[in-house]
C-alpha atoms as a PDB file:
ATOM      1  CA  MET A   1       0.032   0.050  -0.217  1.00  0.00           C
ATOM      2  CA  PHE A   2       1.431   3.129  -1.263  1.00  0.00           C
ATOM      3  CA  SER A   3       1.357   6.262   1.664  1.00  0.00           C
ATOM      4  CA  VAL A   4       0.441   9.390   0.464  1.00  0.00           C
ATOM      5  CA  LEU A   5       0.305  12.834   1.781  1.00  0.00           C
ATOM      6  CA  TYR A   6      -2.212  14.970  -0.593  1.00  0.00           C
ATOM      7  CA  VAL A   7      -2.201  18.985   0.443  1.00  0.00           C
ATOM      8  CA  ASP A   8      -4.845  21.033  -1.023  1.00  0.00           C
ATOM      9  CA  ASP A   9      -6.927  24.283   0.160  1.00  0.00           C
ATOM     10  CA  GLU A  10      -9.761  22.984  -1.423  1.00  0.00           C
ATOM     11  CA  PRO A  11     -11.086  20.457   1.049  1.00  0.00           C
ATOM     12  CA  ASN A  12     -14.130  18.868  -1.178  1.00  0.00           C
ATOM     13  CA  LEU A  13     -11.065  18.260  -3.794  1.00  0.00           C
ATOM     14  CA  LEU A  14      -9.804  16.866  -1.098  1.00  0.00           C
ATOM     15  CA  ASP A  15     -12.535  14.338   0.031  1.00  0.00           C
ATOM     16  CA  LEU A  16     -12.638  13.698  -3.351  1.00  0.00           C
ATOM     17  CA  GLY A  17      -9.350  12.645  -4.160  1.00  0.00           C
ATOM     18  CA  ARG A  18      -9.125  10.599  -1.208  1.00  0.00           C
ATOM     19  CA  LEU A  19     -12.105   9.182  -1.372  1.00  0.00           C
ATOM     20  CA  PHE A  20     -11.342   7.914  -5.088  1.00  0.00           C
ATOM     21  CA  LEU A  21      -7.865   6.571  -4.545  1.00  0.00           C
ATOM     22  CA  GLU A  22      -8.206   4.600  -1.692  1.00  0.00           C
ATOM     23  CA  LYS A  23     -11.293   2.600  -3.156  1.00  0.00           C
ATOM     24  CA  SER A  24      -9.175   0.531  -5.179  1.00  0.00           C
ATOM     25  CA  GLY A  25      -7.163  -0.217  -1.560  1.00  0.00           C
ATOM     26  CA  GLU A  26      -3.979   0.469  -2.931  1.00  0.00           C
ATOM     27  CA  PHE A  27      -3.081   3.936  -1.444  1.00  0.00           C
ATOM     28  CA  ARG A  28      -3.696   5.351   2.475  1.00  0.00           C
ATOM     29  CA  VAL A  29      -4.094   9.237   1.545  1.00  0.00           C
ATOM     30  CA  THR A  30      -3.204  11.852   4.396  1.00  0.00           C
ATOM     31  CA  THR A  31      -5.141  15.491   3.833  1.00  0.00           C
ATOM     32  CA  SER A  32      -3.980  18.753   4.545  1.00  0.00           C
ATOM     33  CA  THR A  33      -5.041  22.055   3.578  1.00  0.00           C
ATOM     34  CA  SER A  34      -1.545  23.423   4.694  1.00  0.00           C
ATOM     35  CA  ALA A  35       1.669  22.954   3.204  1.00  0.00           C
ATOM     36  CA  ARG A  36       3.401  25.205   6.499  1.00  0.00           C
ATOM     37  CA  GLU A  37       2.066  22.900   8.887  1.00  0.00           C
ATOM     38  CA  GLU A  38       3.015  19.701   6.761  1.00  0.00           C
ATOM     39  CA  LEU A  39       6.938  21.349   5.874  1.00  0.00           C
ATOM     40  CA  SER A  40       7.427  21.386   9.845  1.00  0.00           C
ATOM     41  CA  SER A  41       5.864  17.950  10.503  1.00  0.00           C
ATOM     42  CA  PRO A  42       8.528  14.844  11.474  1.00  0.00           C
ATOM     43  CA  SER A  43       5.913  12.895   9.925  1.00  0.00           C
ATOM     44  CA  ILE A  44       6.148  13.739   5.849  1.00  0.00           C
ATOM     45  CA  ARG A  45       9.224  11.527   6.006  1.00  0.00           C
ATOM     46  CA  SER A  46       6.957   8.668   6.174  1.00  0.00           C
ATOM     47  CA  PHE A  47       4.839   8.942   2.967  1.00  0.00           C
ATOM     48  CA  ASP A  48       5.382   7.631  -0.008  1.00  0.00           C
ATOM     49  CA  LEU A  49       4.577  10.457  -2.478  1.00  0.00           C
ATOM     50  CA  ILE A  50       3.338  13.564  -2.045  1.00  0.00           C
ATOM     51  CA  LEU A  51       0.406  15.461  -3.985  1.00  0.00           C
ATOM     52  CA  PHE A  52       0.458  18.955  -3.838  1.00  0.00           C
ATOM     53  CA  ASP A  53      -1.627  22.338  -5.451  1.00  0.00           C
ATOM     54  CA  TYR A  54       0.191  24.689  -7.271  1.00  0.00           C
ATOM     55  CA  GLN A  55      -2.425  26.963  -5.209  1.00  0.00           C
ATOM     56  CA  MET A  56      -2.147  27.325  -1.927  1.00  0.00           C
ATOM     57  CA  PRO A  57      -2.571  30.864  -0.143  1.00  0.00           C
ATOM     58  CA  ASP A  58       0.463  30.340   2.376  1.00  0.00           C
ATOM     59  CA  MET A  59       3.052  28.925  -0.392  1.00  0.00           C
ATOM     60  CA  ASP A  60       3.158  28.188  -3.603  1.00  0.00           C
ATOM     61  CA  GLY A  61       3.608  24.465  -4.894  1.00  0.00           C
ATOM     62  CA  ILE A  62       7.673  25.460  -6.090  1.00  0.00           C
ATOM     63  CA  THR A  63       8.323  26.269  -3.543  1.00  0.00           C
ATOM     64  CA  PHE A  64       6.894  24.028  -1.652  1.00  0.00           C
ATOM     65  CA  LEU A  65       8.643  21.339  -3.841  1.00  0.00           C
ATOM     66  CA  LYS A  66      12.496  23.151  -3.622  1.00  0.00           C
ATOM     67  CA  ALA A  67      11.559  22.984   0.463  1.00  0.00           C
ATOM     68  CA  VAL A  68      10.687  19.591   0.739  1.00  0.00           C
ATOM     69  CA  ARG A  69      13.733  19.003  -1.503  1.00  0.00           C
ATOM     70  CA  GLU A  70      16.305  21.002   0.874  1.00  0.00           C
ATOM     71  CA  GLN A  71      14.538  20.048   3.913  1.00  0.00           C
ATOM     72  CA  HIS A  72      13.513  15.684   3.644  1.00  0.00           C
ATOM     73  CA  GLY A  73      15.197  14.734   0.362  1.00  0.00           C
ATOM     74  CA  ASP A  74      13.918  12.954  -3.200  1.00  0.00           C
ATOM     75  CA  ILE A  75      10.446  12.282  -1.729  1.00  0.00           C
ATOM     76  CA  PRO A  76       8.435  11.586  -5.155  1.00  0.00           C
ATOM     77  CA  PHE A  77       6.241  14.275  -5.894  1.00  0.00           C
ATOM     78  CA  ILE A  78       3.281  15.589  -7.849  1.00  0.00           C
ATOM     79  CA  LEU A  79       2.421  18.897  -8.521  1.00  0.00           C
ATOM     80  CA  PHE A  80      -1.888  19.999  -9.306  1.00  0.00           C
ATOM     81  CA  THR A  81      -1.373  22.695 -11.409  1.00  0.00           C
ATOM     82  CA  GLY A  82      -3.792  25.361 -12.859  1.00  0.00           C
ATOM     83  CA  ARG A  83      -4.016  25.300 -17.315  1.00  0.00           C
ATOM     84  CA  GLY A  84      -2.115  27.435 -19.219  1.00  0.00           C
ATOM     85  CA  ARG A  85       0.682  27.046 -16.486  1.00  0.00           C
ATOM     86  CA  GLU A  86       2.894  25.280 -18.351  1.00  0.00           C
ATOM     87  CA  GLU A  87       6.055  27.958 -17.418  1.00  0.00           C
ATOM     88  CA  VAL A  88       4.724  26.414 -13.634  1.00  0.00           C
ATOM     89  CA  VAL A  89       5.335  23.256 -14.878  1.00  0.00           C
ATOM     90  CA  ILE A  90       8.704  24.412 -16.350  1.00  0.00           C
ATOM     91  CA  ASP A  91       9.642  24.892 -13.439  1.00  0.00           C
ATOM     92  CA  ALA A  92       8.661  22.346 -11.126  1.00  0.00           C
ATOM     93  CA  ILE A  93      10.209  19.452 -12.902  1.00  0.00           C
ATOM     94  CA  ASN A  94      13.351  21.696 -13.821  1.00  0.00           C
ATOM     95  CA  ASN A  95      13.039  21.862  -9.297  1.00  0.00           C
ATOM     96  CA  GLY A  96      12.235  17.687  -8.989  1.00  0.00           C
ATOM     97  CA  ALA A  97       8.956  17.309  -8.856  1.00  0.00           C
ATOM     98  CA  ASP A  98       8.449  13.673 -10.708  1.00  0.00           C
ATOM     99  CA  PHE A  99       5.232  14.370 -12.255  1.00  0.00           C
ATOM    100  CA  TYR A 100       2.564  17.241 -13.118  1.00  0.00           C
ATOM    101  CA  LEU A 101      -1.799  16.946 -13.007  1.00  0.00           C
ATOM    102  CA  GLN A 102      -3.637  19.570 -14.866  1.00  0.00           C
ATOM    103  CA  LYS A 103      -6.592  20.008 -12.141  1.00  0.00           C
ATOM    104  CA  GLY A 104      -9.805  20.632 -14.137  1.00  0.00           C
ATOM    105  CA  GLY A 105     -12.016  17.804 -16.780  1.00  0.00           C
ATOM    106  CA  ASP A 106     -13.914  15.155 -15.735  1.00  0.00           C
ATOM    107  CA  ALA A 107     -12.910  14.260 -11.874  1.00  0.00           C
ATOM    108  CA  ARG A 108     -12.776  10.284 -12.797  1.00  0.00           C
ATOM    109  CA  SER A 109     -10.270  10.557 -14.818  1.00  0.00           C
ATOM    110  CA  GLN A 110      -8.288  12.629 -13.825  1.00  0.00           C
ATOM    111  CA  PHE A 111      -7.783  10.917 -10.369  1.00  0.00           C
ATOM    112  CA  ALA A 112      -7.713   7.862 -12.683  1.00  0.00           C
ATOM    113  CA  GLU A 113      -4.780   9.311 -14.244  1.00  0.00           C
ATOM    114  CA  LEU A 114      -2.882  10.437 -10.954  1.00  0.00           C
ATOM    115  CA  ALA A 115      -3.388   7.136  -9.553  1.00  0.00           C
ATOM    116  CA  HIS A 116      -1.067   5.837 -12.496  1.00  0.00           C
ATOM    117  CA  LYS A 117       1.429   8.172 -11.439  1.00  0.00           C
ATOM    118  CA  ILE A 118       1.548   7.769  -7.992  1.00  0.00           C
ATOM    119  CA  ARG A 119       2.181   4.216  -8.813  1.00  0.00           C
ATOM    120  CA  GLN A 120       4.803   5.098 -11.393  1.00  0.00           C
ATOM    121  CA  ALA A 121       6.760   7.542  -9.566  1.00  0.00           C
ATOM    122  CA  VAL A 122       6.881   5.468  -6.234  1.00  0.00           C
ATOM    123  CA  ARG A 123       7.945   2.131  -8.554  1.00  0.00           C
ATOM    124  CA  ARG A 124      10.116   4.342 -10.116  1.00  0.00           C
ATOM    125  CA  LYS A 125      11.998   5.377  -6.223  1.00  0.00           C
ATOM    126  CA  GLN A 126      11.706   2.400  -5.248  1.00  0.00           C
ATOM    127  CA  ALA A 127      13.566   0.762  -8.149  1.00  0.00           C
ATOM    128  CA  GLU A 128      16.476   3.749  -7.390  1.00  0.00           C
ATOM    129  CA  LEU A 129      16.146   2.480  -4.025  1.00  0.00           C
ATOM    130  CA  LEU A 130      16.943  -0.802  -4.528  1.00  0.00           C
ATOM    131  CA  LEU A 131      19.465  -0.271  -7.149  1.00  0.00           C
ATOM    132  CA  ARG A 132      21.381   2.282  -4.899  1.00  0.00           C
ATOM    133  CA  GLU A 133      21.489  -0.888  -1.867  1.00  0.00           C
ATOM    134  CA  GLN A 134      23.187  -3.029  -4.711  1.00  0.00           C
ATOM    135  CA  TYR A 135      25.331  -0.831  -5.893  1.00  0.00           C
ATOM    136  CA  GLU A 136      26.631  -0.070  -2.486  1.00  0.00           C
ATOM    137  CA  LYS A 137      27.009  -3.298  -2.138  1.00  0.00           C
ATOM    138  CA  LEU A 138      29.285  -4.064  -4.692  1.00  0.00           C
ATOM    139  CA  ALA A 139      31.171  -1.060  -3.582  1.00  0.00           C
ATOM    140  CA  GLN A 140      31.593  -2.802  -0.096  1.00  0.00           C
ATOM    141  CA  SER A 141      31.761  -6.075  -1.654  1.00  0.00           C
ATOM    142  CA  GLU A 142      35.119  -4.256  -4.218  1.00  0.00           C
ATOM    143  CA  GLN A 143      36.519  -2.666  -1.233  1.00  0.00           C
ATOM    144  CA  ARG A 144      36.839  -6.133   1.125  1.00  0.00           C
ATOM    145  CA  ILE A 145      38.503  -7.852  -2.207  1.00  0.00           C
ATOM    146  CA  ARG A 146      40.813  -4.915  -1.429  1.00  0.00           C
ATOM    147  CA  GLU A 147      41.372  -4.735   1.532  1.00  0.00           C
ATOM    148  CA  SER A 148      41.823  -8.704   1.645  1.00  0.00           C
ATOM    149  CA  GLU A 149      44.568  -8.051  -1.855  1.00  0.00           C
ATOM    150  CA  ALA A 150      45.795  -6.150   0.026  1.00  0.00           C
ATOM    151  CA  LYS A 151      46.696  -8.429   2.993  1.00  0.00           C
ATOM    152  CA  TYR A 152      47.295 -11.651   0.825  1.00  0.00           C
ATOM    153  CA  ARG A 153      49.953  -8.429  -0.954  1.00  0.00           C
ATOM    154  CA  GLU A 154      51.374  -7.666   2.306  1.00  0.00           C
ATOM    155  CA  LEU A 155      51.659 -11.133   3.927  1.00  0.00           C
ATOM    156  CA  VAL A 156      53.144 -12.479   0.546  1.00  0.00           C
ATOM    157  CA  GLU A 157      55.700  -9.734   0.532  1.00  0.00           C
ATOM    158  CA  HIS A 158      56.324 -10.290   4.285  1.00  0.00           C
ATOM    159  CA  ALA A 159      56.649 -13.690   3.906  1.00  0.00           C
ATOM    160  CA  ASN A 160      60.302 -15.682   4.893  1.00  0.00           C
ATOM    161  CA  SER A 161      60.043 -18.163   1.898  1.00  0.00           C
ATOM    162  CA  ILE A 162      60.576 -18.096  -1.899  1.00  0.00           C
ATOM    163  CA  ILE A 163      57.765 -16.650  -3.010  1.00  0.00           C
ATOM    164  CA  LEU A 164      56.570 -16.362  -7.205  1.00  0.00           C
ATOM    165  CA  GLN A 165      53.774 -16.466  -9.704  1.00  0.00           C
ATOM    166  CA  TRP A 166      54.025 -17.135 -13.360  1.00  0.00           C
ATOM    167  CA  ASP A 167      51.918 -17.322 -15.800  1.00  0.00           C
ATOM    168  CA  LYS A 168      51.200 -19.877 -18.831  1.00  0.00           C
ATOM    169  CA  THR A 169      53.857 -19.113 -20.605  1.00  0.00           C
ATOM    170  CA  GLY A 170      56.248 -19.712 -18.101  1.00  0.00           C
ATOM    171  CA  THR A 171      56.539 -15.492 -17.624  1.00  0.00           C
ATOM    172  CA  ILE A 172      56.847 -13.809 -13.406  1.00  0.00           C
ATOM    173  CA  THR A 173      54.269 -12.077 -12.540  1.00  0.00           C
ATOM    174  CA  VAL A 174      54.914 -11.705  -8.976  1.00  0.00           C
ATOM    175  CA  PHE A 175      58.396 -12.176  -7.040  1.00  0.00           C
ATOM    176  CA  ASN A 176      58.499 -11.611  -3.236  1.00  0.00           C
ATOM    177  CA  GLU A 177      61.062  -9.797  -1.304  1.00  0.00           C
ATOM    178  CA  PHE A 178      63.088 -13.002  -0.223  1.00  0.00           C
ATOM    179  CA  ALA A 179      62.435 -13.954  -3.601  1.00  0.00           C
ATOM    180  CA  GLN A 180      64.541 -11.016  -4.869  1.00  0.00           C
ATOM    181  CA  ARG A 181      66.911 -11.132  -2.114  1.00  0.00           C
ATOM    182  CA  PHE A 182      67.565 -15.009  -1.971  1.00  0.00           C
ATOM    183  CA  PHE A 183      67.887 -14.639  -5.916  1.00  0.00           C
ATOM    184  CA  GLY A 184      69.787 -11.502  -6.340  1.00  0.00           C
ATOM    185  CA  TYR A 185      66.737  -9.741  -8.294  1.00  0.00           C
ATOM    186  CA  THR A 186      65.117  -7.053  -8.135  1.00  0.00           C
ATOM    187  CA  ARG A 187      61.193  -6.961  -8.808  1.00  0.00           C
ATOM    188  CA  GLU A 188      61.675  -4.554 -12.252  1.00  0.00           C
ATOM    189  CA  GLU A 189      64.602  -6.833 -13.144  1.00  0.00           C
ATOM    190  CA  ILE A 190      62.647 -10.101 -12.708  1.00  0.00           C
ATOM    191  CA  ILE A 191      59.038  -9.209 -13.035  1.00  0.00           C
ATOM    192  CA  GLY A 192      58.144 -10.080 -17.044  1.00  0.00           C
ATOM    193  CA  LYS A 193      60.462 -12.444 -17.416  1.00  0.00           C
ATOM    194  CA  SER A 194      60.562 -16.066 -18.401  1.00  0.00           C
ATOM    195  CA  VAL A 195      62.146 -18.756 -15.419  1.00  0.00           C
ATOM    196  CA  MET A 196      63.659 -20.072 -18.354  1.00  0.00           C
ATOM    197  CA  GLY A 197      67.038 -18.157 -18.080  1.00  0.00           C
ATOM    198  CA  THR A 198      66.580 -16.299 -15.148  1.00  0.00           C
ATOM    199  CA  ILE A 199      66.166 -18.608 -12.495  1.00  0.00           C
ATOM    200  CA  VAL A 200      65.977 -21.733 -13.767  1.00  0.00           C
ATOM    201  CA  PRO A 201      68.903 -23.177 -16.142  1.00  0.00           C
ATOM    202  CA  ALA A 202      68.705 -24.716 -19.187  1.00  0.00           C
ATOM    203  CA  THR A 203      69.858 -28.159 -17.825  1.00  0.00           C
ATOM    204  CA  GLU A 204      70.406 -29.703 -14.674  1.00  0.00           C
ATOM    205  CA  SER A 205      74.763 -30.038 -13.355  1.00  0.00           C
ATOM    206  CA  GLY A 206      75.213 -33.653 -12.025  1.00  0.00           C
ATOM    207  CA  SER A 207      72.428 -35.069 -14.269  1.00  0.00           C
ATOM    208  CA  ASP A 208      72.272 -32.551 -17.428  1.00  0.00           C
ATOM    209  CA  ARG A 209      68.325 -33.168 -16.390  1.00  0.00           C
ATOM    210  CA  ASP A 210      66.500 -30.659 -20.132  1.00  0.00           C
ATOM    211  CA  LEU A 211      65.153 -27.626 -17.340  1.00  0.00           C
ATOM    212  CA  HIS A 212      63.036 -26.092 -19.993  1.00  0.00           C
ATOM    213  CA  LEU A 213      61.737 -29.677 -21.034  1.00  0.00           C
ATOM    214  CA  MET A 214      60.795 -29.585 -17.408  1.00  0.00           C
ATOM    215  CA  ILE A 215      59.069 -26.632 -17.270  1.00  0.00           C
ATOM    216  CA  ASP A 216      56.771 -27.319 -20.203  1.00  0.00           C
ATOM    217  CA  ASN A 217      55.817 -30.363 -18.420  1.00  0.00           C
ATOM    218  CA  ILE A 218      54.605 -28.346 -15.047  1.00  0.00           C
ATOM    219  CA  ILE A 219      52.540 -26.112 -17.476  1.00  0.00           C
ATOM    220  CA  ARG A 220      51.145 -28.588 -20.034  1.00  0.00           C
ATOM    221  CA  HIS A 221      50.383 -31.168 -16.793  1.00  0.00           C
ATOM    222  CA  PRO A 222      50.257 -28.672 -13.626  1.00  0.00           C
ATOM    223  CA  GLY A 223      48.570 -30.902 -11.700  1.00  0.00           C
ATOM    224  CA  ASP A 224      51.602 -34.132 -12.018  1.00  0.00           C
ATOM    225  CA  HIS A 225      53.563 -31.400 -10.463  1.00  0.00           C
ATOM    226  CA  LEU A 226      52.504 -29.761  -7.362  1.00  0.00           C
ATOM    227  CA  ILE A 227      55.276 -30.717  -5.723  1.00  0.00           C
ATOM    228  CA  ASN A 228      59.009 -30.371  -7.823  1.00  0.00           C
ATOM    229  CA  GLU A 229      62.216 -30.169  -6.872  1.00  0.00           C
ATOM    230  CA  ASN A 230      64.632 -29.435  -9.264  1.00  0.00           C
ATOM    231  CA  GLU A 231      68.277 -27.151  -9.804  1.00  0.00           C
ATOM    232  CA  ASN A 232      67.806 -23.516  -9.987  1.00  0.00           C
ATOM    233  CA  ILE A 233      70.360 -20.814 -10.888  1.00  0.00           C
ATOM    234  CA  THR A 234      70.533 -17.079  -8.875  1.00  0.00           C
ATOM    235  CA  ARG A 235      71.545 -14.006 -11.002  1.00  0.00           C
ATOM    236  CA  ASN A 236      75.620 -14.690  -9.776  1.00  0.00           C
ATOM    237  CA  GLY A 237      75.877 -17.819 -11.579  1.00  0.00           C
ATOM    238  CA  THR A 238      75.460 -19.941  -7.571  1.00  0.00           C
ATOM    239  CA  ARG A 239      73.674 -23.481  -7.971  1.00  0.00           C
ATOM    240  CA  VAL A 240      70.729 -23.561  -5.617  1.00  0.00           C
ATOM    241  CA  TRP A 241      68.336 -26.667  -5.026  1.00  0.00           C
ATOM    242  CA  ILE A 242      64.762 -25.933  -4.526  1.00  0.00           C
ATOM    243  CA  ARG A 243      61.843 -27.479  -3.496  1.00  0.00           C
ATOM    244  CA  TRP A 244      58.640 -26.693  -4.616  1.00  0.00           C
ATOM    245  CA  GLN A 245      54.825 -26.626  -3.430  1.00  0.00           C
ATOM    246  CA  ASN A 246      53.006 -25.521  -6.837  1.00  0.00           C
ATOM    247  CA  LYS A 247      49.242 -24.302  -6.404  1.00  0.00           C
ATOM    248  CA  ILE A 248      47.028 -24.227  -9.426  1.00  0.00           C
ATOM    249  CA  ARG A 249      46.156 -20.799 -10.448  1.00  0.00           C
ATOM    250  CA  TRP A 250      42.602 -20.373 -12.532  1.00  0.00           C
ATOM    251  CA  ASN A 251      40.559 -18.140 -14.619  1.00  0.00           C
ATOM    252  CA  GLU A 252      37.457 -17.067 -15.083  1.00  0.00           C
ATOM    253  CA  LYS A 253      36.393 -19.407 -17.827  1.00  0.00           C
ATOM    254  CA  GLU A 254      37.912 -22.078 -15.492  1.00  0.00           C
ATOM    255  CA  GLU A 255      41.120 -22.445 -17.637  1.00  0.00           C
ATOM    256  CA  PHE A 256      44.490 -23.034 -16.343  1.00  0.00           C
ATOM    257  CA  ASP A 257      45.744 -19.313 -16.064  1.00  0.00           C
ATOM    258  CA  GLY A 258      49.966 -20.607 -13.831  1.00  0.00           C
ATOM    259  CA  LEU A 259      51.009 -21.015 -10.686  1.00  0.00           C
ATOM    260  CA  LEU A 260      51.446 -19.586  -6.801  1.00  0.00           C
ATOM    261  CA  SER A 261      54.773 -21.539  -6.234  1.00  0.00           C
ATOM    262  CA  ILE A 262      56.487 -21.120  -2.909  1.00  0.00           C
ATOM    263  CA  GLY A 263      59.551 -22.484  -2.531  1.00  0.00           C
ATOM    264  CA  THR A 264      62.220 -24.698   0.347  1.00  0.00           C
ATOM    265  CA  ASP A 265      65.989 -24.423   0.439  1.00  0.00           C
ATOM    266  CA  LEU A 266      67.584 -27.631  -0.517  1.00  0.00           C
ATOM    267  CA  THR A 267      70.884 -26.841  -0.564  1.00  0.00           C
ATOM    268  CA  GLU A 268      72.697 -27.591   1.906  1.00  0.00           C
ATOM    269  CA  HIS A 269      70.886 -30.667   2.597  1.00  0.00           C
ATOM    270  CA  ARG A 270      71.650 -31.694  -0.968  1.00  0.00           C
ATOM    271  CA  ARG A 271      75.119 -31.319  -0.290  1.00  0.00           C
ATOM    272  CA  ALA A 272      75.120 -33.081   2.737  1.00  0.00           C
ATOM    273  CA  GLU A 273      73.223 -35.642   1.238  1.00  0.00           C
ATOM    274  CA  GLN A 274      76.030 -35.427  -1.629  1.00  0.00           C
ATOM    275  CA  ALA A 275      79.040 -35.684   1.021  1.00  0.00           C
ATOM    276  CA  LEU A 276      77.913 -38.557   2.632  1.00  0.00           C
ATOM    277  CA  GLN A 277      77.254 -40.636  -0.765  1.00  0.00           C
ATOM    278  CA  GLU A 278      80.605 -40.047  -1.452  1.00  0.00           C
ATOM    279  CA  SER A 279      81.783 -41.518   1.941  1.00  0.00           C
END
């Protein structure tokens, strides 16, 4: 049910309008003959729509409309005007009136048209409020996502482990501070470069394993390489052994989009094993 405040200085017209509108059961109409009294009443905010006669003795319709917009926001508003008052209509629309209706003619047709305009104005307002609410929820969700991403980046950057992300072409997209210190590359030097030729050598020393083929296999079959150990190389040429834990990353189409790799340095462990074997 729509609640309507109807303000007019003609009591008979107020009664007729209220009876006609409430007859359908869609509207609850409160009538008044005083513009200033209604403007100062806190209950004005409770109405779904205001219907106001332009020619009131204590305040004209445009002045009342401006005051409502200034003090009470965008409550749907319909202005009753006399015939031949086109300049009033233009002024009303420019100041935020939703509709206007000219007085005169058949009362039944006039109030039927009024009921239609009330429905339109109120439903449009409700749709705007719903859209605004959805937009605010979306904005809040995006803010939470941004905050989560910021926390994630902070955790990655300050982790005491090698953390990097690389896409399905083998290109490095994330290289945390620990990785930069460990491998000797700055972020600017490594982001956008392939893992091959930077932190992965062509072949593994000792076994001559083709590491280019290994990277290709990881990209083509990431699920088979969730844990991987291989020889890597730092910027100054030092060979190191890393145990990688790989997490598959998917895009919005659920297609393979790359890997998040967390590395643990096994170099000393490998050297100890080799020394033990040699002894």
